[in-house]
Amino acid sequence: AGISWGGERTGYADSVKGRFTMSRDNA
C-alpha cells in the first residue's frame, strides 16, 4: 500500500485491496 504526502490518495496491491486500509495519524 502507499499514501500521498498529504494523505489525499492511497493505493493498494490487488492482493490486499478491500482487506487492508492505509491511513495517516498526522498528530
mmCIF file of all heavy atoms, coordinates in Angstrom:
data_MODEL
# 
_entry.id   MODEL 
# 
loop_
_atom_site.group_PDB 
_atom_site.id 
_atom_site.type_symbol 
_atom_site.label_atom_id 
_atom_site.label_alt_id 
_atom_site.label_comp_id 
_atom_site.label_asym_id 
_atom_site.label_entity_id 
_atom_site.label_seq_id 
_atom_site.pdbx_PDB_ins_code 
_atom_site.Cartn_x 
_atom_site.Cartn_y 
_atom_site.Cartn_z 
_atom_site.occupancy 
_atom_site.B_iso_or_equiv 
_atom_site.pdbx_formal_charge 
_atom_site.auth_seq_id 
_atom_site.auth_comp_id 
_atom_site.auth_asym_id 
_atom_site.auth_atom_id 
_atom_site.pdbx_PDB_model_num 
ATOM 1   N N   . ALA A 1 1  ? 0.840   -1.192  0.000  1.00 0.00 ? 1  ALA A N   1 
ATOM 2   C CA  . ALA A 1 1  ? 0.000   0.000   0.000  1.00 0.00 ? 1  ALA A CA  1 
ATOM 3   C C   . ALA A 1 1  ? 0.872   1.238   0.000  1.00 0.00 ? 1  ALA A C   1 
ATOM 4   O O   . ALA A 1 1  ? 2.010   1.212   0.458  1.00 0.00 ? 1  ALA A O   1 
ATOM 5   C CB  . ALA A 1 1  ? -0.934  0.014   1.216  1.00 0.00 ? 1  ALA A CB  1 
ATOM 6   N N   . GLY A 1 2  ? 0.326   2.345   -0.494 1.00 0.00 ? 2  GLY A N   1 
ATOM 7   C CA  . GLY A 1 2  ? 1.029   3.613   -0.490 1.00 0.00 ? 2  GLY A CA  1 
ATOM 8   C C   . GLY A 1 2  ? 0.081   4.752   -0.188 1.00 0.00 ? 2  GLY A C   1 
ATOM 9   O O   . GLY A 1 2  ? -1.135  4.642   -0.402 1.00 0.00 ? 2  GLY A O   1 
ATOM 10  N N   . ILE A 1 3  ? 0.631   5.859   0.312  1.00 0.00 ? 3  ILE A N   1 
ATOM 11  C CA  . ILE A 1 3  ? -0.173  7.031   0.636  1.00 0.00 ? 3  ILE A CA  1 
ATOM 12  C C   . ILE A 1 3  ? 0.595   8.281   0.246  1.00 0.00 ? 3  ILE A C   1 
ATOM 13  O O   . ILE A 1 3  ? 1.819   8.346   0.386  1.00 0.00 ? 3  ILE A O   1 
ATOM 14  C CB  . ILE A 1 3  ? -0.565  7.050   2.129  1.00 0.00 ? 3  ILE A CB  1 
ATOM 15  C CG1 . ILE A 1 3  ? -1.649  8.092   2.398  1.00 0.00 ? 3  ILE A CG1 1 
ATOM 16  C CG2 . ILE A 1 3  ? 0.657   7.283   3.013  1.00 0.00 ? 3  ILE A CG2 1 
ATOM 17  C CD1 . ILE A 1 3  ? -2.317  7.914   3.756  1.00 0.00 ? 3  ILE A CD1 1 
ATOM 18  N N   . SER A 1 4  ? -0.129  9.289   -0.257 1.00 0.00 ? 4  SER A N   1 
ATOM 19  C CA  . SER A 1 4  ? 0.493   10.523  -0.697 1.00 0.00 ? 4  SER A CA  1 
ATOM 20  C C   . SER A 1 4  ? 0.941   11.365  0.488  1.00 0.00 ? 4  SER A C   1 
ATOM 21  O O   . SER A 1 4  ? 0.538   11.137  1.634  1.00 0.00 ? 4  SER A O   1 
ATOM 22  C CB  . SER A 1 4  ? -0.477  11.316  -1.576 1.00 0.00 ? 4  SER A CB  1 
ATOM 23  O OG  . SER A 1 4  ? -1.644  11.669  -0.848 1.00 0.00 ? 4  SER A OG  1 
ATOM 24  N N   . TRP A 1 5  ? 1.766   12.352  0.196  1.00 0.00 ? 5  TRP A N   1 
ATOM 25  C CA  . TRP A 1 5  ? 2.309   13.209  1.233  1.00 0.00 ? 5  TRP A CA  1 
ATOM 26  C C   . TRP A 1 5  ? 1.212   13.862  2.065  1.00 0.00 ? 5  TRP A C   1 
ATOM 27  O O   . TRP A 1 5  ? 1.324   13.936  3.290  1.00 0.00 ? 5  TRP A O   1 
ATOM 28  C CB  . TRP A 1 5  ? 3.198   14.284  0.586  1.00 0.00 ? 5  TRP A CB  1 
ATOM 29  C CG  . TRP A 1 5  ? 3.928   15.151  1.565  1.00 0.00 ? 5  TRP A CG  1 
ATOM 30  C CD1 . TRP A 1 5  ? 5.158   14.922  2.110  1.00 0.00 ? 5  TRP A CD1 1 
ATOM 31  C CD2 . TRP A 1 5  ? 3.465   16.390  2.114  1.00 0.00 ? 5  TRP A CD2 1 
ATOM 32  N NE1 . TRP A 1 5  ? 5.499   15.946  2.962  1.00 0.00 ? 5  TRP A NE1 1 
ATOM 33  C CE2 . TRP A 1 5  ? 4.479   16.862  2.988  1.00 0.00 ? 5  TRP A CE2 1 
ATOM 34  C CE3 . TRP A 1 5  ? 2.306   17.148  1.956  1.00 0.00 ? 5  TRP A CE3 1 
ATOM 35  C CZ2 . TRP A 1 5  ? 4.360   18.054  3.692  1.00 0.00 ? 5  TRP A CZ2 1 
ATOM 36  C CZ3 . TRP A 1 5  ? 2.189   18.338  2.665  1.00 0.00 ? 5  TRP A CZ3 1 
ATOM 37  C CH2 . TRP A 1 5  ? 3.212   18.779  3.514  1.00 0.00 ? 5  TRP A CH2 1 
ATOM 38  N N   . GLY A 1 6  ? 0.153   14.330  1.417  1.00 0.00 ? 6  GLY A N   1 
ATOM 39  C CA  . GLY A 1 6  ? -0.943  14.970  2.113  1.00 0.00 ? 6  GLY A CA  1 
ATOM 40  C C   . GLY A 1 6  ? -2.038  14.023  2.578  1.00 0.00 ? 6  GLY A C   1 
ATOM 41  O O   . GLY A 1 6  ? -2.976  14.458  3.247  1.00 0.00 ? 6  GLY A O   1 
ATOM 42  N N   . GLY A 1 7  ? -1.937  12.758  2.228  1.00 0.00 ? 7  GLY A N   1 
ATOM 43  C CA  . GLY A 1 7  ? -2.921  11.781  2.646  1.00 0.00 ? 7  GLY A CA  1 
ATOM 44  C C   . GLY A 1 7  ? -4.167  11.718  1.781  1.00 0.00 ? 7  GLY A C   1 
ATOM 45  O O   . GLY A 1 7  ? -5.097  10.973  2.112  1.00 0.00 ? 7  GLY A O   1 
ATOM 46  N N   . GLU A 1 8  ? -4.193  12.464  0.679  1.00 0.00 ? 8  GLU A N   1 
ATOM 47  C CA  . GLU A 1 8  ? -5.389  12.505  -0.157 1.00 0.00 ? 8  GLU A CA  1 
ATOM 48  C C   . GLU A 1 8  ? -5.596  11.250  -0.989 1.00 0.00 ? 8  GLU A C   1 
ATOM 49  O O   . GLU A 1 8  ? -6.735  10.933  -1.349 1.00 0.00 ? 8  GLU A O   1 
ATOM 50  C CB  . GLU A 1 8  ? -5.331  13.714  -1.102 1.00 0.00 ? 8  GLU A CB  1 
ATOM 51  C CG  . GLU A 1 8  ? -5.240  15.051  -0.394 1.00 0.00 ? 8  GLU A CG  1 
ATOM 52  C CD  . GLU A 1 8  ? -3.813  15.509  -0.179 1.00 0.00 ? 8  GLU A CD  1 
ATOM 53  O OE1 . GLU A 1 8  ? -2.883  14.692  -0.376 1.00 0.00 ? 8  GLU A OE1 1 
ATOM 54  O OE2 . GLU A 1 8  ? -3.614  16.676  0.193  1.00 0.00 ? 8  GLU A OE2 1 
ATOM 55  N N   . ARG A 1 9  ? -4.517  10.570  -1.312 1.00 0.00 ? 9  ARG A N   1 
ATOM 56  C CA  . ARG A 1 9  ? -4.592  9.413   -2.197 1.00 0.00 ? 9  ARG A CA  1 
ATOM 57  C C   . ARG A 1 9  ? -3.934  8.203   -1.553 1.00 0.00 ? 9  ARG A C   1 
ATOM 58  O O   . ARG A 1 9  ? -2.881  8.322   -0.918 1.00 0.00 ? 9  ARG A O   1 
ATOM 59  C CB  . ARG A 1 9  ? -3.915  9.703   -3.536 1.00 0.00 ? 9  ARG A CB  1 
ATOM 60  C CG  . ARG A 1 9  ? -4.549  10.839  -4.338 1.00 0.00 ? 9  ARG A CG  1 
ATOM 61  C CD  . ARG A 1 9  ? -5.896  10.431  -4.918 1.00 0.00 ? 9  ARG A CD  1 
ATOM 62  N NE  . ARG A 1 9  ? -5.774  9.310   -5.836 1.00 0.00 ? 9  ARG A NE  1 
ATOM 63  C CZ  . ARG A 1 9  ? -5.484  9.423   -7.117 1.00 0.00 ? 9  ARG A CZ  1 
ATOM 64  N NH1 . ARG A 1 9  ? -5.280  10.621  -7.658 1.00 0.00 ? 9  ARG A NH1 1 
ATOM 65  N NH2 . ARG A 1 9  ? -5.415  8.346   -7.876 1.00 0.00 ? 9  ARG A NH2 1 
ATOM 66  N N   . THR A 1 10 ? -4.554  7.062   -1.737 1.00 0.00 ? 10 THR A N   1 
ATOM 67  C CA  . THR A 1 10 ? -3.979  5.793   -1.325 1.00 0.00 ? 10 THR A CA  1 
ATOM 68  C C   . THR A 1 10 ? -4.100  4.802   -2.465 1.00 0.00 ? 10 THR A C   1 
ATOM 69  O O   . THR A 1 10 ? -4.966  4.926   -3.332 1.00 0.00 ? 10 THR A O   1 
ATOM 70  C CB  . THR A 1 10 ? -4.662  5.217   -0.077 1.00 0.00 ? 10 THR A CB  1 
ATOM 71  O OG1 . THR A 1 10 ? -6.077  5.133   -0.300 1.00 0.00 ? 10 THR A OG1 1 
ATOM 72  C CG2 . THR A 1 10 ? -4.395  6.089   1.143  1.00 0.00 ? 10 THR A CG2 1 
ATOM 73  N N   . GLY A 1 11 ? -3.235  3.825   -2.471 1.00 0.00 ? 11 GLY A N   1 
ATOM 74  C CA  . GLY A 1 11 ? -3.284  2.777   -3.459 1.00 0.00 ? 11 GLY A CA  1 
ATOM 75  C C   . GLY A 1 11 ? -2.865  1.460   -2.846 1.00 0.00 ? 11 GLY A C   1 
ATOM 76  O O   . GLY A 1 11 ? -2.095  1.431   -1.883 1.00 0.00 ? 11 GLY A O   1 
ATOM 77  N N   . TYR A 1 12 ? -3.370  0.358   -3.408 1.00 0.00 ? 12 TYR A N   1 
ATOM 78  C CA  . TYR A 1 12 ? -3.167  -0.954  -2.824 1.00 0.00 ? 12 TYR A CA  1 
ATOM 79  C C   . TYR A 1 12 ? -2.836  -1.986  -3.896 1.00 0.00 ? 12 TYR A C   1 
ATOM 80  O O   . TYR A 1 12 ? -3.295  -1.892  -5.040 1.00 0.00 ? 12 TYR A O   1 
ATOM 81  C CB  . TYR A 1 12 ? -4.422  -1.408  -2.080 1.00 0.00 ? 12 TYR A CB  1 
ATOM 82  C CG  . TYR A 1 12 ? -4.854  -0.457  -0.996 1.00 0.00 ? 12 TYR A CG  1 
ATOM 83  C CD1 . TYR A 1 12 ? -5.741  0.575   -1.270 1.00 0.00 ? 12 TYR A CD1 1 
ATOM 84  C CD2 . TYR A 1 12 ? -4.357  -0.575  0.292  1.00 0.00 ? 12 TYR A CD2 1 
ATOM 85  C CE1 . TYR A 1 12 ? -6.129  1.461   -0.276 1.00 0.00 ? 12 TYR A CE1 1 
ATOM 86  C CE2 . TYR A 1 12 ? -4.738  0.305   1.286  1.00 0.00 ? 12 TYR A CE2 1 
ATOM 87  C CZ  . TYR A 1 12 ? -5.621  1.326   0.999  1.00 0.00 ? 12 TYR A CZ  1 
ATOM 88  O OH  . TYR A 1 12 ? -5.990  2.201   1.984  1.00 0.00 ? 12 TYR A OH  1 
ATOM 89  N N   . ALA A 1 13 ? -2.054  -2.958  -3.491 1.00 0.00 ? 13 ALA A N   1 
ATOM 90  C CA  . ALA A 1 13 ? -1.854  -4.112  -4.344 1.00 0.00 ? 13 ALA A CA  1 
ATOM 91  C C   . ALA A 1 13 ? -3.174  -4.859  -4.507 1.00 0.00 ? 13 ALA A C   1 
ATOM 92  O O   . ALA A 1 13 ? -4.005  -4.894  -3.594 1.00 0.00 ? 13 ALA A O   1 
ATOM 93  C CB  . ALA A 1 13 ? -0.798  -5.036  -3.749 1.00 0.00 ? 13 ALA A CB  1 
ATOM 94  N N   . ASP A 1 14 ? -3.368  -5.464  -5.673 1.00 0.00 ? 14 ASP A N   1 
ATOM 95  C CA  . ASP A 1 14 ? -4.612  -6.186  -5.918 1.00 0.00 ? 14 ASP A CA  1 
ATOM 96  C C   . ASP A 1 14 ? -4.852  -7.280  -4.881 1.00 0.00 ? 14 ASP A C   1 
ATOM 97  O O   . ASP A 1 14 ? -5.998  -7.565  -4.523 1.00 0.00 ? 14 ASP A O   1 
ATOM 98  C CB  . ASP A 1 14 ? -4.598  -6.800  -7.318 1.00 0.00 ? 14 ASP A CB  1 
ATOM 99  C CG  . ASP A 1 14 ? -4.724  -5.759  -8.411 1.00 0.00 ? 14 ASP A CG  1 
ATOM 100 O OD1 . ASP A 1 14 ? -5.178  -4.636  -8.123 1.00 0.00 ? 14 ASP A OD1 1 
ATOM 101 O OD2 . ASP A 1 14 ? -4.375  -6.080  -9.565 1.00 0.00 ? 14 ASP A OD2 1 
ATOM 102 N N   . SER A 1 15 ? -3.792  -7.877  -4.376 1.00 0.00 ? 15 SER A N   1 
ATOM 103 C CA  . SER A 1 15 ? -3.922  -8.980  -3.444 1.00 0.00 ? 15 SER A CA  1 
ATOM 104 C C   . SER A 1 15 ? -4.486  -8.569  -2.085 1.00 0.00 ? 15 SER A C   1 
ATOM 105 O O   . SER A 1 15 ? -4.964  -9.422  -1.337 1.00 0.00 ? 15 SER A O   1 
ATOM 106 C CB  . SER A 1 15 ? -2.563  -9.663  -3.246 1.00 0.00 ? 15 SER A CB  1 
ATOM 107 O OG  . SER A 1 15 ? -1.603  -8.751  -2.751 1.00 0.00 ? 15 SER A OG  1 
ATOM 108 N N   . VAL A 1 16 ? -4.435  -7.273  -1.749 1.00 0.00 ? 16 VAL A N   1 
ATOM 109 C CA  . VAL A 1 16 ? -4.914  -6.819  -0.450 1.00 0.00 ? 16 VAL A CA  1 
ATOM 110 C C   . VAL A 1 16 ? -6.057  -5.824  -0.560 1.00 0.00 ? 16 VAL A C   1 
ATOM 111 O O   . VAL A 1 16 ? -6.635  -5.445  0.470  1.00 0.00 ? 16 VAL A O   1 
ATOM 112 C CB  . VAL A 1 16 ? -3.777  -6.208  0.395  1.00 0.00 ? 16 VAL A CB  1 
ATOM 113 C CG1 . VAL A 1 16 ? -2.608  -7.169  0.503  1.00 0.00 ? 16 VAL A CG1 1 
ATOM 114 C CG2 . VAL A 1 16 ? -3.317  -4.873  -0.187 1.00 0.00 ? 16 VAL A CG2 1 
ATOM 115 N N   . LYS A 1 17 ? -6.398  -5.397  -1.751 1.00 0.00 ? 17 LYS A N   1 
ATOM 116 C CA  . LYS A 1 17 ? -7.446  -4.401  -1.930 1.00 0.00 ? 17 LYS A CA  1 
ATOM 117 C C   . LYS A 1 17 ? -8.770  -4.902  -1.346 1.00 0.00 ? 17 LYS A C   1 
ATOM 118 O O   . LYS A 1 17 ? -9.180  -6.034  -1.585 1.00 0.00 ? 17 LYS A O   1 
ATOM 119 C CB  . LYS A 1 17 ? -7.604  -4.072  -3.411 1.00 0.00 ? 17 LYS A CB  1 
ATOM 120 C CG  . LYS A 1 17 ? -8.520  -2.899  -3.696 1.00 0.00 ? 17 LYS A CG  1 
ATOM 121 C CD  . LYS A 1 17 ? -8.522  -2.549  -5.188 1.00 0.00 ? 17 LYS A CD  1 
ATOM 122 C CE  . LYS A 1 17 ? -7.156  -2.072  -5.640 1.00 0.00 ? 17 LYS A CE  1 
ATOM 123 N NZ  . LYS A 1 17 ? -7.162  -1.643  -7.064 1.00 0.00 ? 17 LYS A NZ  1 
ATOM 124 N N   . GLY A 1 18 ? -9.423  -4.042  -0.581 1.00 0.00 ? 18 GLY A N   1 
ATOM 125 C CA  . GLY A 1 18 ? -10.660 -4.396  0.072  1.00 0.00 ? 18 GLY A CA  1 
ATOM 126 C C   . GLY A 1 18 ? -10.483 -5.014  1.438  1.00 0.00 ? 18 GLY A C   1 
ATOM 127 O O   . GLY A 1 18 ? -11.462 -5.135  2.190  1.00 0.00 ? 18 GLY A O   1 
ATOM 128 N N   . ARG A 1 19 ? -9.254  -5.403  1.786  1.00 0.00 ? 19 ARG A N   1 
ATOM 129 C CA  . ARG A 1 19 ? -8.977  -6.005  3.084  1.00 0.00 ? 19 ARG A CA  1 
ATOM 130 C C   . ARG A 1 19 ? -8.075  -5.125  3.947  1.00 0.00 ? 19 ARG A C   1 
ATOM 131 O O   . ARG A 1 19 ? -8.203  -5.133  5.170  1.00 0.00 ? 19 ARG A O   1 
ATOM 132 C CB  . ARG A 1 19 ? -8.321  -7.377  2.918  1.00 0.00 ? 19 ARG A CB  1 
ATOM 133 C CG  . ARG A 1 19 ? -9.179  -8.374  2.158  1.00 0.00 ? 19 ARG A CG  1 
ATOM 134 C CD  . ARG A 1 19 ? -8.566  -9.774  2.196  1.00 0.00 ? 19 ARG A CD  1 
ATOM 135 N NE  . ARG A 1 19 ? -7.253  -9.817  1.542  1.00 0.00 ? 19 ARG A NE  1 
ATOM 136 C CZ  . ARG A 1 19 ? -6.117  -10.155 2.142  1.00 0.00 ? 19 ARG A CZ  1 
ATOM 137 N NH1 . ARG A 1 19 ? -6.116  -10.475 3.433  1.00 0.00 ? 19 ARG A NH1 1 
ATOM 138 N NH2 . ARG A 1 19 ? -4.977  -10.193 1.462  1.00 0.00 ? 19 ARG A NH2 1 
ATOM 139 N N   . PHE A 1 20 ? -7.160  -4.402  3.316  1.00 0.00 ? 20 PHE A N   1 
ATOM 140 C CA  . PHE A 1 20 ? -6.212  -3.550  4.035  1.00 0.00 ? 20 PHE A CA  1 
ATOM 141 C C   . PHE A 1 20 ? -6.565  -2.084  3.803  1.00 0.00 ? 20 PHE A C   1 
ATOM 142 O O   . PHE A 1 20 ? -7.009  -1.707  2.717  1.00 0.00 ? 20 PHE A O   1 
ATOM 143 C CB  . PHE A 1 20 ? -4.780  -3.779  3.541  1.00 0.00 ? 20 PHE A CB  1 
ATOM 144 C CG  . PHE A 1 20 ? -4.181  -5.116  3.881  1.00 0.00 ? 20 PHE A CG  1 
ATOM 145 C CD1 . PHE A 1 20 ? -4.940  -6.143  4.397  1.00 0.00 ? 20 PHE A CD1 1 
ATOM 146 C CD2 . PHE A 1 20 ? -2.827  -5.329  3.662  1.00 0.00 ? 20 PHE A CD2 1 
ATOM 147 C CE1 . PHE A 1 20 ? -4.387  -7.375  4.704  1.00 0.00 ? 20 PHE A CE1 1 
ATOM 148 C CE2 . PHE A 1 20 ? -2.253  -6.552  3.960  1.00 0.00 ? 20 PHE A CE2 1 
ATOM 149 C CZ  . PHE A 1 20 ? -3.032  -7.570  4.479  1.00 0.00 ? 20 PHE A CZ  1 
ATOM 150 N N   . THR A 1 21 ? -6.327  -1.259  4.811  1.00 0.00 ? 21 THR A N   1 
ATOM 151 C CA  . THR A 1 21 ? -6.547  0.172   4.703  1.00 0.00 ? 21 THR A CA  1 
ATOM 152 C C   . THR A 1 21 ? -5.347  0.913   5.272  1.00 0.00 ? 21 THR A C   1 
ATOM 153 O O   . THR A 1 21 ? -4.948  0.661   6.412  1.00 0.00 ? 21 THR A O   1 
ATOM 154 C CB  . THR A 1 21 ? -7.818  0.609   5.450  1.00 0.00 ? 21 THR A CB  1 
ATOM 155 O OG1 . THR A 1 21 ? -8.950  -0.087  4.929  1.00 0.00 ? 21 THR A OG1 1 
ATOM 156 C CG2 . THR A 1 21 ? -8.043  2.108   5.278  1.00 0.00 ? 21 THR A CG2 1 
ATOM 157 N N   . MET A 1 22 ? -4.790  1.830   4.487  1.00 0.00 ? 22 MET A N   1 
ATOM 158 C CA  . MET A 1 22 ? -3.672  2.648   4.934  1.00 0.00 ? 22 MET A CA  1 
ATOM 159 C C   . MET A 1 22 ? -4.171  4.056   5.231  1.00 0.00 ? 22 MET A C   1 
ATOM 160 O O   . MET A 1 22 ? -4.995  4.601   4.494  1.00 0.00 ? 22 MET A O   1 
ATOM 161 C CB  . MET A 1 22 ? -2.575  2.693   3.871  1.00 0.00 ? 22 MET A CB  1 
ATOM 162 C CG  . MET A 1 22 ? -1.303  3.373   4.330  1.00 0.00 ? 22 MET A CG  1 
ATOM 163 S SD  . MET A 1 22 ? 0.001   3.280   3.060  1.00 0.00 ? 22 MET A SD  1 
ATOM 164 C CE  . MET A 1 22 ? 1.374   4.050   3.935  1.00 0.00 ? 22 MET A CE  1 
ATOM 165 N N   . SER A 1 23 ? -3.669  4.649   6.299  1.00 0.00 ? 23 SER A N   1 
ATOM 166 C CA  . SER A 1 23 ? -4.084  5.985   6.689  1.00 0.00 ? 23 SER A CA  1 
ATOM 167 C C   . SER A 1 23 ? -2.953  6.686   7.421  1.00 0.00 ? 23 SER A C   1 
ATOM 168 O O   . SER A 1 23 ? -1.933  6.075   7.754  1.00 0.00 ? 23 SER A O   1 
ATOM 169 C CB  . SER A 1 23 ? -5.340  5.933   7.569  1.00 0.00 ? 23 SER A CB  1 
ATOM 170 O OG  . SER A 1 23 ? -5.086  5.212   8.767  1.00 0.00 ? 23 SER A OG  1 
ATOM 171 N N   . ARG A 1 24 ? -3.151  7.974   7.662  1.00 0.00 ? 24 ARG A N   1 
ATOM 172 C CA  . ARG A 1 24 ? -2.170  8.766   8.401  1.00 0.00 ? 24 ARG A CA  1 
ATOM 173 C C   . ARG A 1 24 ? -2.724  9.177   9.755  1.00 0.00 ? 24 ARG A C   1 
ATOM 174 O O   . ARG A 1 24 ? -3.919  9.438   9.909  1.00 0.00 ? 24 ARG A O   1 
ATOM 175 C CB  . ARG A 1 24 ? -1.791  10.029  7.629  1.00 0.00 ? 24 ARG A CB  1 
ATOM 176 C CG  . ARG A 1 24 ? -0.929  9.804   6.412  1.00 0.00 ? 24 ARG A CG  1 
ATOM 177 C CD  . ARG A 1 24 ? -0.450  11.144  5.847  1.00 0.00 ? 24 ARG A CD  1 
ATOM 178 N NE  . ARG A 1 24 ? 0.407   10.971  4.675  1.00 0.00 ? 24 ARG A NE  1 
ATOM 179 C CZ  . ARG A 1 24 ? 1.717   10.775  4.732  1.00 0.00 ? 24 ARG A CZ  1 
ATOM 180 N NH1 . ARG A 1 24 ? 2.347   10.729  5.912  1.00 0.00 ? 24 ARG A NH1 1 
ATOM 181 N NH2 . ARG A 1 24 ? 2.416   10.629  3.610  1.00 0.00 ? 24 ARG A NH2 1 
ATOM 182 N N   . ASP A 1 25 ? -1.842  9.230   10.732 1.00 0.00 ? 25 ASP A N   1 
ATOM 183 C CA  . ASP A 1 25 ? -2.114  9.861   12.015 1.00 0.00 ? 25 ASP A CA  1 
ATOM 184 C C   . ASP A 1 25 ? -1.142  11.032  12.090 1.00 0.00 ? 25 ASP A C   1 
ATOM 185 O O   . ASP A 1 25 ? -0.022  10.892  12.573 1.00 0.00 ? 25 ASP A O   1 
ATOM 186 C CB  . ASP A 1 25 ? -1.911  8.888   13.164 1.00 0.00 ? 25 ASP A CB  1 
ATOM 187 C CG  . ASP A 1 25 ? -2.283  9.481   14.505 1.00 0.00 ? 25 ASP A CG  1 
ATOM 188 O OD1 . ASP A 1 25 ? -2.390  10.712  14.617 1.00 0.00 ? 25 ASP A OD1 1 
ATOM 189 O OD2 . ASP A 1 25 ? -2.464  8.700   15.458 1.00 0.00 ? 25 ASP A OD2 1 
ATOM 190 N N   . ASN A 1 26 ? -1.578  12.184  11.601 1.00 0.00 ? 26 ASN A N   1 
ATOM 191 C CA  . ASN A 1 26 ? -0.671  13.313  11.443 1.00 0.00 ? 26 ASN A CA  1 
ATOM 192 C C   . ASN A 1 26 ? -0.144  13.844  12.774 1.00 0.00 ? 26 ASN A C   1 
ATOM 193 O O   . ASN A 1 26 ? 0.987   14.331  12.844 1.00 0.00 ? 26 ASN A O   1 
ATOM 194 C CB  . ASN A 1 26 ? -1.365  14.440  10.674 1.00 0.00 ? 26 ASN A CB  1 
ATOM 195 C CG  . ASN A 1 26 ? -1.618  14.079  9.232  1.00 0.00 ? 26 ASN A CG  1 
ATOM 196 O OD1 . ASN A 1 26 ? -0.830  13.379  8.603  1.00 0.00 ? 26 ASN A OD1 1 
ATOM 197 N ND2 . ASN A 1 26 ? -2.726  14.568  8.686  1.00 0.00 ? 26 ASN A ND2 1 
ATOM 198 N N   . ALA A 1 27 ? -0.953  13.758  13.813 1.00 0.00 ? 27 ALA A N   1 
ATOM 199 C CA  . ALA A 1 27 ? -0.516  14.246  15.117 1.00 0.00 ? 27 ALA A CA  1 
ATOM 200 C C   . ALA A 1 27 ? 0.682   13.468  15.633 1.00 0.00 ? 27 ALA A C   1 
ATOM 201 O O   . ALA A 1 27 ? 1.476   13.997  16.413 1.00 0.00 ? 27 ALA A O   1 
ATOM 202 C CB  . ALA A 1 27 ? -1.657  14.184  16.119 1.00 0.00 ? 27 ALA A CB  1 
# 
